[in-house]
Amino acid sequence: MKHAPFTSKRWRRVEYERLVDVGALEGEPIELIGGQLIVAEPKGSPHAACVEMVSDALRAALPPGWIVRAQNPIALDDESAPEPDVAVVHGRHAEYRHAHPTRAALIVEIAESSLAFDRLQKGSLYARAGIADYWIVNLVDRLVEVYRDPGPDLTAPFGWRYSSMERFRPPAAVTPLAVPASPVAIAELLP
């Protein structure tokens, strides 16, 4: 018996947001990445603690006018609404009551089992969106990977990648590009 090949539906962000609005995805750990609905990594205790630690460290370092959003959507483009573990956006919370931010000054993903996905797929997605500063808190190797200088690369999953990557371990500090006077100690980011 011959089987027809599988096909998948590419979702647009407006369709995804409608599903969210009507409650069809309530309680589901799903995010829209490049037109595909992706199930998010389960969050164990180290991951959950790290999200809070990163959020606290960034809030303490940033001046007024910056918002730290934890695990909330960013409307990157017509086919992507990822929910990064932490995102830093400019403005006030009230500005985003009717729509998610479309840009972030900094995105941070906490990675253990998702490390390869966060490096390759999400890194390419964020580079394509022009996110200038992308950090991965690597729980496997207990360090922070800092990705910068997004540019086109046809071999990358979304056609873009970061050309600069540095690794930081305690006692080093890293400074967000958008707020160069606000260094953050790596030790404050690792559980």
C-alpha atoms as a PDB file:
ATOM      1  CA  MET A   1       0.000   0.000   0.000  1.00  0.00           C
ATOM      2  CA  LYS A   2       1.397   3.375  -1.020  1.00  0.00           C
ATOM      3  CA  HIS A   3       1.224   6.222   1.512  1.00  0.00           C
ATOM      4  CA  ALA A   4       0.851   9.837   0.578  1.00  0.00           C
ATOM      5  CA  PRO A   5       3.673  12.066   1.811  1.00  0.00           C
ATOM      6  CA  PHE A   6       2.999  14.058   4.951  1.00  0.00           C
ATOM      7  CA  THR A   7       2.305  17.724   4.561  1.00  0.00           C
ATOM      8  CA  SER A   8       2.447  20.365   7.210  1.00  0.00           C
ATOM      9  CA  LYS A   9       0.622  23.642   7.479  1.00  0.00           C
ATOM     10  CA  ARG A  10       2.675  26.807   7.800  1.00  0.00           C
ATOM     11  CA  TRP A  11       1.083  29.112  10.325  1.00  0.00           C
ATOM     12  CA  ARG A  12       1.070  32.870  10.086  1.00  0.00           C
ATOM     13  CA  ARG A  13       1.461  34.867  13.271  1.00  0.00           C
ATOM     14  CA  VAL A  14      -2.058  36.356  12.961  1.00  0.00           C
ATOM     15  CA  GLU A  15      -3.539  32.828  12.779  1.00  0.00           C
ATOM     16  CA  TYR A  16      -1.475  31.729  15.770  1.00  0.00           C
ATOM     17  CA  GLU A  17      -2.541  34.789  17.766  1.00  0.00           C
ATOM     18  CA  ARG A  18      -6.206  34.021  16.965  1.00  0.00           C
ATOM     19  CA  LEU A  19      -5.748  30.498  18.337  1.00  0.00           C
ATOM     20  CA  VAL A  20      -4.259  32.002  21.495  1.00  0.00           C
ATOM     21  CA  ASP A  21      -7.049  34.600  21.780  1.00  0.00           C
ATOM     22  CA  VAL A  22      -9.808  31.979  21.614  1.00  0.00           C
ATOM     23  CA  GLY A  23      -8.038  29.741  24.138  1.00  0.00           C
ATOM     24  CA  ALA A  24      -7.283  26.885  21.725  1.00  0.00           C
ATOM     25  CA  LEU A  25      -3.695  26.644  22.997  1.00  0.00           C
ATOM     26  CA  GLU A  26      -4.454  27.334  26.664  1.00  0.00           C
ATOM     27  CA  GLY A  27      -1.872  25.693  28.882  1.00  0.00           C
ATOM     28  CA  GLU A  28       0.092  24.314  25.940  1.00  0.00           C
ATOM     29  CA  PRO A  29       3.848  25.082  25.927  1.00  0.00           C
ATOM     30  CA  ILE A  30       3.850  26.096  22.252  1.00  0.00           C
ATOM     31  CA  GLU A  31       5.561  28.908  20.372  1.00  0.00           C
ATOM     32  CA  LEU A  32       5.499  29.874  16.691  1.00  0.00           C
ATOM     33  CA  ILE A  33       8.932  29.562  15.087  1.00  0.00           C
ATOM     34  CA  GLY A  34       9.277  30.099  11.346  1.00  0.00           C
ATOM     35  CA  GLY A  35       5.675  29.145  10.635  1.00  0.00           C
ATOM     36  CA  GLN A  36       5.793  25.945  12.703  1.00  0.00           C
ATOM     37  CA  LEU A  37       4.180  25.321  16.083  1.00  0.00           C
ATOM     38  CA  ILE A  38       7.010  24.131  18.314  1.00  0.00           C
ATOM     39  CA  VAL A  39       6.564  22.488  21.700  1.00  0.00           C
ATOM     40  CA  ALA A  40       8.802  24.249  24.223  1.00  0.00           C
ATOM     41  CA  GLU A  41      11.321  22.384  26.367  1.00  0.00           C
ATOM     42  CA  PRO A  42      10.040  21.251  29.780  1.00  0.00           C
ATOM     43  CA  LYS A  43      11.320  23.544  32.498  1.00  0.00           C
ATOM     44  CA  GLY A  44      13.014  21.826  35.403  1.00  0.00           C
ATOM     45  CA  SER A  45      14.076  23.541  38.619  1.00  0.00           C
ATOM     46  CA  PRO A  46      17.492  24.763  37.346  1.00  0.00           C
ATOM     47  CA  HIS A  47      15.834  26.289  34.261  1.00  0.00           C
ATOM     48  CA  ALA A  48      13.073  27.973  36.270  1.00  0.00           C
ATOM     49  CA  ALA A  49      15.533  29.326  38.837  1.00  0.00           C
ATOM     50  CA  CYS A  50      17.784  30.617  36.078  1.00  0.00           C
ATOM     51  CA  VAL A  51      14.937  32.511  34.356  1.00  0.00           C
ATOM     52  CA  GLU A  52      14.250  34.329  37.620  1.00  0.00           C
ATOM     53  CA  MET A  53      17.945  34.967  38.301  1.00  0.00           C
ATOM     54  CA  VAL A  54      18.538  36.422  34.828  1.00  0.00           C
ATOM     55  CA  SER A  55      15.395  38.557  35.106  1.00  0.00           C
ATOM     56  CA  ASP A  56      16.450  39.885  38.520  1.00  0.00           C
ATOM     57  CA  ALA A  57      20.036  40.596  37.420  1.00  0.00           C
ATOM     58  CA  LEU A  58      18.910  42.483  34.318  1.00  0.00           C
ATOM     59  CA  ARG A  59      16.269  44.486  36.198  1.00  0.00           C
ATOM     60  CA  ALA A  60      18.921  45.521  38.730  1.00  0.00           C
ATOM     61  CA  ALA A  61      21.383  46.549  35.997  1.00  0.00           C
ATOM     62  CA  LEU A  62      19.082  48.440  33.634  1.00  0.00           C
ATOM     63  CA  PRO A  63      18.076  52.080  34.036  1.00  0.00           C
ATOM     64  CA  PRO A  64      14.436  53.229  33.912  1.00  0.00           C
ATOM     65  CA  GLY A  65      12.830  52.940  30.504  1.00  0.00           C
ATOM     66  CA  TRP A  66      13.712  49.284  30.006  1.00  0.00           C
ATOM     67  CA  ILE A  67      11.390  46.324  30.625  1.00  0.00           C
ATOM     68  CA  VAL A  68      12.480  42.766  31.388  1.00  0.00           C
ATOM     69  CA  ARG A  69       9.888  40.293  30.087  1.00  0.00           C
ATOM     70  CA  ALA A  70      10.089  36.650  31.139  1.00  0.00           C
ATOM     71  CA  GLN A  71       8.660  33.937  28.864  1.00  0.00           C
ATOM     72  CA  ASN A  72       6.365  36.275  26.935  1.00  0.00           C
ATOM     73  CA  PRO A  73       5.945  36.489  23.161  1.00  0.00           C
ATOM     74  CA  ILE A  74       7.865  38.749  20.827  1.00  0.00           C
ATOM     75  CA  ALA A  75       6.083  39.369  17.488  1.00  0.00           C
ATOM     76  CA  LEU A  76       9.215  39.044  15.344  1.00  0.00           C
ATOM     77  CA  ASP A  77       7.656  38.720  11.899  1.00  0.00           C
ATOM     78  CA  ASP A  78       4.657  37.315  10.023  1.00  0.00           C
ATOM     79  CA  GLU A  79       5.584  33.715  10.857  1.00  0.00           C
ATOM     80  CA  SER A  80       7.257  33.895  14.262  1.00  0.00           C
ATOM     81  CA  ALA A  81       6.165  34.675  17.805  1.00  0.00           C
ATOM     82  CA  PRO A  82       8.795  33.018  19.989  1.00  0.00           C
ATOM     83  CA  GLU A  83       8.595  33.204  23.764  1.00  0.00           C
ATOM     84  CA  PRO A  84      12.185  33.764  24.831  1.00  0.00           C
ATOM     85  CA  ASP A  85      13.028  32.981  28.417  1.00  0.00           C
ATOM     86  CA  VAL A  86      13.971  36.633  28.950  1.00  0.00           C
ATOM     87  CA  ALA A  87      13.700  39.653  26.665  1.00  0.00           C
ATOM     88  CA  VAL A  88      14.689  43.247  27.296  1.00  0.00           C
ATOM     89  CA  VAL A  89      12.571  45.817  25.483  1.00  0.00           C
ATOM     90  CA  HIS A  90      12.478  49.588  25.607  1.00  0.00           C
ATOM     91  CA  GLY A  91       9.424  51.356  26.961  1.00  0.00           C
ATOM     92  CA  ARG A  92       6.784  50.763  29.599  1.00  0.00           C
ATOM     93  CA  HIS A  93       4.541  47.747  30.222  1.00  0.00           C
ATOM     94  CA  ALA A  94       1.413  49.722  29.294  1.00  0.00           C
ATOM     95  CA  GLU A  95       2.744  50.213  25.759  1.00  0.00           C
ATOM     96  CA  TYR A  96       2.350  46.475  25.131  1.00  0.00           C
ATOM     97  CA  ARG A  97      -1.157  45.894  26.474  1.00  0.00           C
ATOM     98  CA  HIS A  98      -2.635  45.666  22.935  1.00  0.00           C
ATOM     99  CA  ALA A  99       0.231  44.015  21.057  1.00  0.00           C
ATOM    100  CA  HIS A 100       3.436  42.199  21.841  1.00  0.00           C
ATOM    101  CA  PRO A 101       6.730  43.996  21.214  1.00  0.00           C
ATOM    102  CA  THR A 102       8.178  43.472  17.754  1.00  0.00           C
ATOM    103  CA  ARG A 103      11.786  44.127  18.737  1.00  0.00           C
ATOM    104  CA  ALA A 104      14.008  43.418  21.698  1.00  0.00           C
ATOM    105  CA  ALA A 105      17.319  44.993  22.637  1.00  0.00           C
ATOM    106  CA  LEU A 106      18.422  41.702  24.196  1.00  0.00           C
ATOM    107  CA  ILE A 107      17.076  38.162  24.145  1.00  0.00           C
ATOM    108  CA  VAL A 108      18.260  35.503  26.601  1.00  0.00           C
ATOM    109  CA  GLU A 109      17.472  31.794  26.297  1.00  0.00           C
ATOM    110  CA  ILE A 110      18.196  29.375  29.144  1.00  0.00           C
ATOM    111  CA  ALA A 111      19.396  26.117  27.619  1.00  0.00           C
ATOM    112  CA  GLU A 112      19.939  22.606  28.814  1.00  0.00           C
ATOM    113  CA  SER A 113      18.217  20.040  26.583  1.00  0.00           C
ATOM    114  CA  SER A 114      17.399  22.794  24.044  1.00  0.00           C
ATOM    115  CA  LEU A 115      21.011  23.947  23.628  1.00  0.00           C
ATOM    116  CA  ALA A 116      21.423  22.862  19.989  1.00  0.00           C
ATOM    117  CA  PHE A 117      17.992  24.259  19.016  1.00  0.00           C
ATOM    118  CA  ASP A 118      18.691  27.575  20.767  1.00  0.00           C
ATOM    119  CA  ARG A 119      22.081  27.903  19.086  1.00  0.00           C
ATOM    120  CA  LEU A 120      21.036  26.990  15.562  1.00  0.00           C
ATOM    121  CA  GLN A 121      17.323  27.544  14.936  1.00  0.00           C
ATOM    122  CA  LYS A 122      16.556  30.278  17.445  1.00  0.00           C
ATOM    123  CA  GLY A 123      19.912  31.937  16.836  1.00  0.00           C
ATOM    124  CA  SER A 124      19.194  32.093  13.114  1.00  0.00           C
ATOM    125  CA  LEU A 125      15.642  33.344  13.732  1.00  0.00           C
ATOM    126  CA  TYR A 126      16.806  36.114  16.081  1.00  0.00           C
ATOM    127  CA  ALA A 127      19.631  37.095  13.710  1.00  0.00           C
ATOM    128  CA  ARG A 128      17.144  37.339  10.821  1.00  0.00           C
ATOM    129  CA  ALA A 129      14.969  39.608  12.972  1.00  0.00           C
ATOM    130  CA  GLY A 130      17.935  41.913  13.577  1.00  0.00           C
ATOM    131  CA  ILE A 131      18.250  41.189  17.306  1.00  0.00           C
ATOM    132  CA  ALA A 132      21.726  42.632  17.898  1.00  0.00           C
ATOM    133  CA  ASP A 133      22.341  40.987  21.270  1.00  0.00           C
ATOM    134  CA  TYR A 134      21.451  37.309  21.924  1.00  0.00           C
ATOM    135  CA  TRP A 135      22.653  35.432  25.015  1.00  0.00           C
ATOM    136  CA  ILE A 136      22.347  31.754  25.853  1.00  0.00           C
ATOM    137  CA  VAL A 137      22.766  30.780  29.496  1.00  0.00           C
ATOM    138  CA  ASN A 138      24.286  27.364  28.886  1.00  0.00           C
ATOM    139  CA  LEU A 139      23.390  25.230  31.912  1.00  0.00           C
ATOM    140  CA  VAL A 140      25.292  22.229  30.529  1.00  0.00           C
ATOM    141  CA  ASP A 141      28.707  23.926  30.526  1.00  0.00           C
ATOM    142  CA  ARG A 142      27.835  26.582  33.161  1.00  0.00           C
ATOM    143  CA  LEU A 143      28.664  29.597  31.036  1.00  0.00           C
ATOM    144  CA  VAL A 144      27.006  32.354  29.026  1.00  0.00           C
ATOM    145  CA  GLU A 145      27.314  32.437  25.244  1.00  0.00           C
ATOM    146  CA  VAL A 146      26.980  35.947  23.777  1.00  0.00           C
ATOM    147  CA  TYR A 147      26.010  36.215  20.108  1.00  0.00           C
ATOM    148  CA  ARG A 148      26.301  39.494  18.185  1.00  0.00           C
ATOM    149  CA  ASP A 149      26.693  40.907  14.686  1.00  0.00           C
ATOM    150  CA  PRO A 150      23.766  39.300  12.814  1.00  0.00           C
ATOM    151  CA  GLY A 151      24.204  38.904   9.079  1.00  0.00           C
ATOM    152  CA  PRO A 152      23.001  36.883   6.101  1.00  0.00           C
ATOM    153  CA  ASP A 153      24.159  33.282   5.733  1.00  0.00           C
ATOM    154  CA  LEU A 154      22.280  31.080   3.281  1.00  0.00           C
ATOM    155  CA  THR A 155      23.411  27.928   5.115  1.00  0.00           C
ATOM    156  CA  ALA A 156      21.624  28.953   8.337  1.00  0.00           C
ATOM    157  CA  PRO A 157      18.072  27.646   8.972  1.00  0.00           C
ATOM    158  CA  PHE A 158      16.472  31.089   8.505  1.00  0.00           C
ATOM    159  CA  GLY A 159      19.140  32.518   6.195  1.00  0.00           C
ATOM    160  CA  TRP A 160      20.903  34.538   8.901  1.00  0.00           C
ATOM    161  CA  ARG A 161      23.381  33.883  11.696  1.00  0.00           C
ATOM    162  CA  TYR A 162      25.535  35.717  14.211  1.00  0.00           C
ATOM    163  CA  SER A 163      29.134  36.232  13.125  1.00  0.00           C
ATOM    164  CA  SER A 164      30.417  36.904  16.650  1.00  0.00           C
ATOM    165  CA  MET A 165      30.184  34.547  19.614  1.00  0.00           C
ATOM    166  CA  GLU A 166      31.994  34.791  22.938  1.00  0.00           C
ATOM    167  CA  ARG A 167      31.776  32.575  26.022  1.00  0.00           C
ATOM    168  CA  PHE A 168      31.856  34.037  29.533  1.00  0.00           C
ATOM    169  CA  ARG A 169      32.348  32.285  32.876  1.00  0.00           C
ATOM    170  CA  PRO A 170      32.428  33.703  36.398  1.00  0.00           C
ATOM    171  CA  PRO A 171      33.949  36.029  37.542  1.00  0.00           C
ATOM    172  CA  ALA A 172      33.528  37.805  34.174  1.00  0.00           C
ATOM    173  CA  ALA A 173      30.740  40.259  33.414  1.00  0.00           C
ATOM    174  CA  VAL A 174      28.919  40.984  30.182  1.00  0.00           C
ATOM    175  CA  THR A 175      27.353  44.267  29.147  1.00  0.00           C
ATOM    176  CA  PRO A 176      24.139  44.563  27.108  1.00  0.00           C
ATOM    177  CA  LEU A 177      24.829  46.408  23.837  1.00  0.00           C
ATOM    178  CA  ALA A 178      21.832  48.714  24.307  1.00  0.00           C
ATOM    179  CA  VAL A 179      22.967  49.859  27.765  1.00  0.00           C
ATOM    180  CA  PRO A 180      26.777  49.869  27.781  1.00  0.00           C
ATOM    181  CA  ALA A 181      26.955  51.309  31.300  1.00  0.00           C
ATOM    182  CA  SER A 182      25.160  48.274  32.783  1.00  0.00           C
ATOM    183  CA  PRO A 183      27.500  45.275  33.172  1.00  0.00           C
ATOM    184  CA  VAL A 184      25.976  42.067  34.525  1.00  0.00           C
ATOM    185  CA  ALA A 185      28.092  39.554  36.477  1.00  0.00           C
ATOM    186  CA  ILE A 186      27.987  36.091  34.932  1.00  0.00           C
ATOM    187  CA  ALA A 187      27.769  34.583  38.437  1.00  0.00           C
ATOM    188  CA  GLU A 188      24.383  36.331  38.835  1.00  0.00           C
ATOM    189  CA  LEU A 189      23.045  34.521  35.754  1.00  0.00           C
ATOM    190  CA  LEU A 190      23.940  30.935  36.683  1.00  0.00           C
ATOM    191  CA  PRO A 191      21.989  28.868  39.247  1.00  0.00           C
END
